[in-house]
Amino acid sequence: MKNLLIVLSIFPTLTFANTLSCIFKDGGSVKQEMTVEHQINSSHAVTHYETALVKGFIAYSNGHAVVNTVNLETQNVVSFHGALTHADQTLGGNIIAGDTGDWTSVNCTLK
């Protein structure tokens, strides 16, 4: 019975996420915020997004996330990736827009 109790105590710590949620925040003069939801278990390998300032895609496979973003004003490309295997893990980065110094932050979290 002692072994059974040990095994059961492990299960509540396991979390199964099914969405990769990425929040984009524009720190420049526009002050926009956008959330893109990528369904991990869907048949779509990539979720595309586009605004007046940025466009790109989010992909997730086997515990690994990739975010690729192009700033449409400067044509700067930022791509970042990392392992996200548990709910509430966050992956993020900043995109600096050339001469204006405006920035966009991207934070992606498994939910």
N, C-alpha and C. Protein backbone atom coordinates (compact mmCIF):
# COMPACT_ATOMS: atom_id res chain seq x y z
N MET A 1 0.82 -1.19 0.00
CA MET A 1 0.00 0.00 0.00
C MET A 1 0.86 1.26 0.00
N LYS A 2 2.02 1.20 0.62
CA LYS A 2 2.90 2.37 0.66
C LYS A 2 3.34 2.75 -0.75
N ASN A 3 3.70 1.78 -1.58
CA ASN A 3 4.10 2.07 -2.95
C ASN A 3 2.97 2.68 -3.76
N LEU A 4 1.77 2.25 -3.53
CA LEU A 4 0.62 2.80 -4.24
C LEU A 4 0.42 4.26 -3.89
N LEU A 5 0.60 4.62 -2.64
CA LEU A 5 0.46 6.02 -2.23
C LEU A 5 1.52 6.90 -2.87
N ILE A 6 2.70 6.41 -3.02
CA ILE A 6 3.77 7.18 -3.65
C ILE A 6 3.44 7.43 -5.12
N VAL A 7 2.97 6.43 -5.82
CA VAL A 7 2.62 6.59 -7.23
C VAL A 7 1.48 7.58 -7.39
N LEU A 8 0.46 7.48 -6.58
CA LEU A 8 -0.67 8.39 -6.69
C LEU A 8 -0.28 9.83 -6.38
N SER A 9 0.70 10.05 -5.54
CA SER A 9 1.09 11.41 -5.19
C SER A 9 1.82 12.10 -6.34
N ILE A 10 2.30 11.36 -7.32
CA ILE A 10 2.98 11.95 -8.47
C ILE A 10 1.98 12.55 -9.46
N PHE A 11 0.85 11.92 -9.68
CA PHE A 11 -0.07 12.33 -10.73
C PHE A 11 -0.59 13.75 -10.62
N PRO A 12 -0.92 14.28 -9.46
CA PRO A 12 -1.41 15.65 -9.43
C PRO A 12 -0.40 16.68 -9.92
N THR A 13 0.89 16.36 -9.95
CA THR A 13 1.89 17.32 -10.40
C THR A 13 2.01 17.36 -11.93
N LEU A 14 1.47 16.36 -12.61
CA LEU A 14 1.53 16.34 -14.06
C LEU A 14 0.46 17.26 -14.63
N THR A 15 0.83 18.09 -15.60
CA THR A 15 -0.11 19.01 -16.21
C THR A 15 -0.07 18.82 -17.72
N PHE A 16 -1.23 18.69 -18.32
CA PHE A 16 -1.30 18.52 -19.76
C PHE A 16 -1.84 19.79 -20.39
N ALA A 17 -1.00 20.46 -21.16
CA ALA A 17 -1.38 21.70 -21.82
C ALA A 17 -1.83 21.39 -23.24
N ASN A 18 -2.76 22.19 -23.76
CA ASN A 18 -3.19 21.99 -25.14
C ASN A 18 -3.17 23.27 -25.96
N THR A 19 -2.74 24.39 -25.36
CA THR A 19 -2.70 25.65 -26.08
C THR A 19 -1.39 26.38 -25.80
N LEU A 20 -0.79 26.91 -26.84
CA LEU A 20 0.36 27.80 -26.70
C LEU A 20 -0.17 29.20 -26.94
N SER A 21 -0.20 30.02 -25.91
CA SER A 21 -0.76 31.37 -25.98
C SER A 21 0.38 32.38 -26.02
N CYS A 22 0.44 33.19 -27.08
CA CYS A 22 1.49 34.20 -27.23
C CYS A 22 0.88 35.59 -27.18
N ILE A 23 1.40 36.42 -26.30
CA ILE A 23 0.93 37.80 -26.16
C ILE A 23 1.99 38.72 -26.74
N PHE A 24 1.57 39.55 -27.68
CA PHE A 24 2.43 40.54 -28.32
C PHE A 24 2.04 41.92 -27.77
N LYS A 25 3.01 42.66 -27.25
CA LYS A 25 2.75 44.00 -26.74
C LYS A 25 3.66 44.99 -27.45
N ASP A 26 3.05 46.02 -28.03
CA ASP A 26 3.81 47.06 -28.72
C ASP A 26 4.14 48.15 -27.71
N GLY A 27 5.42 48.38 -27.49
CA GLY A 27 5.86 49.40 -26.53
C GLY A 27 6.09 50.75 -27.16
N GLY A 28 5.81 50.88 -28.45
CA GLY A 28 6.00 52.16 -29.14
C GLY A 28 4.81 53.07 -28.95
N SER A 29 4.63 53.96 -29.90
CA SER A 29 3.57 54.96 -29.80
C SER A 29 2.17 54.36 -29.95
N VAL A 30 2.05 53.21 -30.58
CA VAL A 30 0.74 52.63 -30.85
C VAL A 30 0.15 51.95 -29.62
N LYS A 31 0.96 51.31 -28.80
CA LYS A 31 0.55 50.62 -27.57
C LYS A 31 -0.53 49.57 -27.83
N GLN A 32 -0.30 48.70 -28.79
CA GLN A 32 -1.24 47.63 -29.08
C GLN A 32 -0.90 46.38 -28.28
N GLU A 33 -1.88 45.53 -28.11
CA GLU A 33 -1.66 44.22 -27.52
C GLU A 33 -2.47 43.20 -28.30
N MET A 34 -1.87 42.07 -28.60
CA MET A 34 -2.53 41.04 -29.38
C MET A 34 -2.19 39.68 -28.77
N THR A 35 -3.18 38.80 -28.71
CA THR A 35 -2.94 37.43 -28.24
C THR A 35 -3.21 36.46 -29.38
N VAL A 36 -2.29 35.55 -29.61
CA VAL A 36 -2.45 34.51 -30.62
C VAL A 36 -2.46 33.17 -29.90
N GLU A 37 -3.50 32.37 -30.13
CA GLU A 37 -3.63 31.05 -29.52
C GLU A 37 -3.30 29.99 -30.57
N HIS A 38 -2.35 29.12 -30.26
CA HIS A 38 -2.00 28.01 -31.15
C HIS A 38 -2.42 26.72 -30.47
N GLN A 39 -3.35 25.99 -31.09
CA GLN A 39 -3.83 24.73 -30.53
C GLN A 39 -2.81 23.63 -30.81
N ILE A 40 -2.19 23.14 -29.76
CA ILE A 40 -1.12 22.16 -29.89
C ILE A 40 -1.60 20.85 -30.51
N ASN A 41 -2.78 20.40 -30.14
CA ASN A 41 -3.27 19.10 -30.60
C ASN A 41 -4.05 19.18 -31.91
N SER A 42 -4.06 20.35 -32.56
CA SER A 42 -4.81 20.47 -33.81
C SER A 42 -3.99 19.89 -34.96
N SER A 43 -4.62 19.78 -36.12
CA SER A 43 -3.91 19.27 -37.29
C SER A 43 -3.04 20.35 -37.94
N HIS A 44 -3.17 21.60 -37.48
CA HIS A 44 -2.37 22.69 -38.04
C HIS A 44 -1.03 22.77 -37.32
N ALA A 45 0.04 22.64 -38.06
CA ALA A 45 1.37 22.69 -37.47
C ALA A 45 1.79 24.11 -37.14
N VAL A 46 1.19 25.10 -37.83
CA VAL A 46 1.61 26.49 -37.70
C VAL A 46 0.38 27.38 -37.59
N THR A 47 0.45 28.40 -36.75
CA THR A 47 -0.58 29.43 -36.68
C THR A 47 0.05 30.74 -37.15
N HIS A 48 -0.56 31.36 -38.17
CA HIS A 48 -0.06 32.62 -38.72
C HIS A 48 -0.77 33.79 -38.06
N TYR A 49 -0.09 34.94 -37.97
CA TYR A 49 -0.69 36.16 -37.44
C TYR A 49 -0.17 37.35 -38.22
N GLU A 50 -0.96 38.42 -38.25
CA GLU A 50 -0.53 39.64 -38.92
C GLU A 50 -1.30 40.84 -38.37
N THR A 51 -0.58 41.93 -38.13
CA THR A 51 -1.17 43.22 -37.76
C THR A 51 -0.57 44.27 -38.69
N ALA A 52 -0.86 45.53 -38.43
CA ALA A 52 -0.27 46.61 -39.23
C ALA A 52 1.24 46.70 -39.00
N LEU A 53 1.72 46.20 -37.87
CA LEU A 53 3.14 46.34 -37.51
C LEU A 53 3.96 45.07 -37.70
N VAL A 54 3.40 43.91 -37.39
CA VAL A 54 4.16 42.67 -37.45
C VAL A 54 3.36 41.56 -38.13
N LYS A 55 4.08 40.57 -38.65
CA LYS A 55 3.44 39.34 -39.12
C LYS A 55 4.41 38.20 -38.88
N GLY A 56 3.87 37.00 -38.80
CA GLY A 56 4.74 35.86 -38.55
C GLY A 56 3.96 34.60 -38.28
N PHE A 57 4.62 33.67 -37.60
CA PHE A 57 3.97 32.40 -37.29
C PHE A 57 4.45 31.86 -35.95
N ILE A 58 3.63 30.97 -35.38
CA ILE A 58 3.94 30.24 -34.16
C ILE A 58 3.82 28.76 -34.49
N ALA A 59 4.79 27.98 -34.06
CA ALA A 59 4.73 26.53 -34.27
C ALA A 59 5.11 25.83 -32.97
N TYR A 60 4.57 24.64 -32.77
CA TYR A 60 4.88 23.85 -31.57
C TYR A 60 4.87 22.39 -31.95
N SER A 61 5.94 21.68 -31.59
CA SER A 61 6.01 20.25 -31.87
C SER A 61 6.92 19.57 -30.86
N ASN A 62 6.43 18.50 -30.29
CA ASN A 62 7.23 17.67 -29.38
C ASN A 62 7.92 18.48 -28.28
N GLY A 63 7.19 19.40 -27.67
CA GLY A 63 7.73 20.17 -26.55
C GLY A 63 8.61 21.34 -26.93
N HIS A 64 8.63 21.69 -28.21
CA HIS A 64 9.49 22.77 -28.68
C HIS A 64 8.66 23.82 -29.42
N ALA A 65 8.80 25.08 -29.02
CA ALA A 65 8.05 26.18 -29.64
C ALA A 65 8.97 27.04 -30.48
N VAL A 66 8.44 27.55 -31.60
CA VAL A 66 9.16 28.48 -32.47
C VAL A 66 8.24 29.66 -32.75
N VAL A 67 8.76 30.87 -32.58
CA VAL A 67 8.02 32.09 -32.91
C VAL A 67 8.88 32.87 -33.89
N ASN A 68 8.32 33.20 -35.05
CA ASN A 68 9.03 33.95 -36.08
C ASN A 68 8.22 35.20 -36.38
N THR A 69 8.83 36.38 -36.27
CA THR A 69 8.13 37.64 -36.44
C THR A 69 8.92 38.57 -37.36
N VAL A 70 8.20 39.26 -38.26
CA VAL A 70 8.80 40.26 -39.12
C VAL A 70 8.18 41.60 -38.78
N ASN A 71 9.00 42.62 -38.51
CA ASN A 71 8.51 43.98 -38.33
C ASN A 71 8.29 44.56 -39.73
N LEU A 72 7.05 44.92 -40.06
CA LEU A 72 6.72 45.33 -41.42
C LEU A 72 7.27 46.70 -41.78
N GLU A 73 7.60 47.53 -40.79
CA GLU A 73 8.16 48.85 -41.08
C GLU A 73 9.65 48.76 -41.40
N THR A 74 10.37 47.93 -40.68
CA THR A 74 11.83 47.86 -40.83
C THR A 74 12.30 46.61 -41.55
N GLN A 75 11.41 45.63 -41.72
CA GLN A 75 11.74 44.33 -42.28
C GLN A 75 12.70 43.53 -41.40
N ASN A 76 12.87 43.95 -40.14
CA ASN A 76 13.68 43.18 -39.19
C ASN A 76 12.96 41.87 -38.89
N VAL A 77 13.71 40.79 -38.87
CA VAL A 77 13.15 39.47 -38.58
C VAL A 77 13.71 38.99 -37.24
N VAL A 78 12.83 38.54 -36.38
CA VAL A 78 13.24 37.96 -35.11
C VAL A 78 12.63 36.57 -35.01
N SER A 79 13.45 35.60 -34.70
CA SER A 79 12.98 34.25 -34.51
C SER A 79 13.57 33.74 -33.20
N PHE A 80 12.73 33.21 -32.35
CA PHE A 80 13.26 32.59 -31.14
C PHE A 80 12.54 31.28 -30.90
N HIS A 81 13.20 30.40 -30.18
CA HIS A 81 12.65 29.07 -29.94
C HIS A 81 13.15 28.55 -28.61
N GLY A 82 12.47 27.55 -28.12
CA GLY A 82 12.89 26.94 -26.87
C GLY A 82 11.97 25.80 -26.48
N ALA A 83 12.38 25.08 -25.48
CA ALA A 83 11.60 23.95 -24.99
C ALA A 83 10.52 24.45 -24.04
N LEU A 84 9.31 24.03 -24.28
CA LEU A 84 8.18 24.29 -23.39
C LEU A 84 7.47 22.96 -23.21
N THR A 85 7.64 22.36 -22.05
CA THR A 85 7.09 21.03 -21.83
C THR A 85 6.05 20.96 -20.73
N HIS A 86 5.93 21.99 -19.91
CA HIS A 86 4.98 21.98 -18.79
C HIS A 86 4.13 23.24 -18.82
N ALA A 87 2.90 23.12 -18.36
CA ALA A 87 2.01 24.28 -18.29
C ALA A 87 2.64 25.39 -17.46
N ASP A 88 2.35 26.60 -17.85
CA ASP A 88 2.81 27.83 -17.20
C ASP A 88 4.28 28.13 -17.44
N GLN A 89 4.97 27.37 -18.29
CA GLN A 89 6.32 27.77 -18.70
C GLN A 89 6.17 28.90 -19.71
N THR A 90 7.11 29.85 -19.71
CA THR A 90 7.04 31.00 -20.61
C THR A 90 8.31 31.11 -21.42
N LEU A 91 8.15 31.48 -22.68
CA LEU A 91 9.24 31.73 -23.60
C LEU A 91 9.00 33.12 -24.16
N GLY A 92 10.00 33.97 -24.20
CA GLY A 92 9.76 35.33 -24.68
C GLY A 92 10.96 35.99 -25.29
N GLY A 93 10.70 37.15 -25.89
CA GLY A 93 11.75 37.94 -26.50
C GLY A 93 11.24 39.31 -26.88
N ASN A 94 12.15 40.19 -27.29
CA ASN A 94 11.80 41.54 -27.71
C ASN A 94 12.22 41.77 -29.15
N ILE A 95 11.43 42.55 -29.86
CA ILE A 95 11.72 42.93 -31.23
C ILE A 95 11.92 44.44 -31.24
N ILE A 96 13.09 44.90 -31.64
CA ILE A 96 13.39 46.33 -31.69
C ILE A 96 13.17 46.82 -33.12
N ALA A 97 12.44 47.92 -33.25
CA ALA A 97 12.13 48.47 -34.57
C ALA A 97 13.09 49.59 -34.93
N GLY A 98 14.17 49.25 -35.60
CA GLY A 98 15.14 50.16 -36.17
C GLY A 98 15.27 51.55 -35.59
N ASP A 99 15.08 52.57 -36.44
CA ASP A 99 15.33 53.97 -36.10
C ASP A 99 14.39 54.50 -35.02
N THR A 100 13.17 54.01 -34.97
CA THR A 100 12.19 54.56 -34.03
C THR A 100 12.46 54.12 -32.60
N GLY A 101 13.13 53.01 -32.42
CA GLY A 101 13.38 52.50 -31.08
C GLY A 101 12.17 51.83 -30.45
N ASP A 102 11.05 51.77 -31.20
CA ASP A 102 9.86 51.08 -30.70
C ASP A 102 10.19 49.61 -30.54
N TRP A 103 9.47 48.94 -29.68
CA TRP A 103 9.73 47.54 -29.45
C TRP A 103 8.42 46.79 -29.32
N THR A 104 8.49 45.52 -29.56
CA THR A 104 7.37 44.62 -29.36
C THR A 104 7.88 43.47 -28.52
N SER A 105 7.20 43.18 -27.42
CA SER A 105 7.58 42.03 -26.61
C SER A 105 6.65 40.87 -26.95
N VAL A 106 7.19 39.68 -26.92
CA VAL A 106 6.42 38.47 -27.20
C VAL A 106 6.66 37.51 -26.06
N ASN A 107 5.59 37.07 -25.41
CA ASN A 107 5.69 36.08 -24.35
C ASN A 107 4.70 34.96 -24.63
N CYS A 108 5.21 33.74 -24.76
CA CYS A 108 4.39 32.58 -25.07
C CYS A 108 4.36 31.64 -23.86
N THR A 109 3.16 31.18 -23.51
CA THR A 109 2.97 30.34 -22.34
C THR A 109 2.11 29.13 -22.70
N LEU A 110 2.50 27.96 -22.24
CA LEU A 110 1.65 26.77 -22.40
C LEU A 110 0.50 26.86 -21.41
N LYS A 111 -0.70 26.57 -21.89
CA LYS A 111 -1.88 26.61 -21.02
C LYS A 111 -2.71 25.36 -21.23
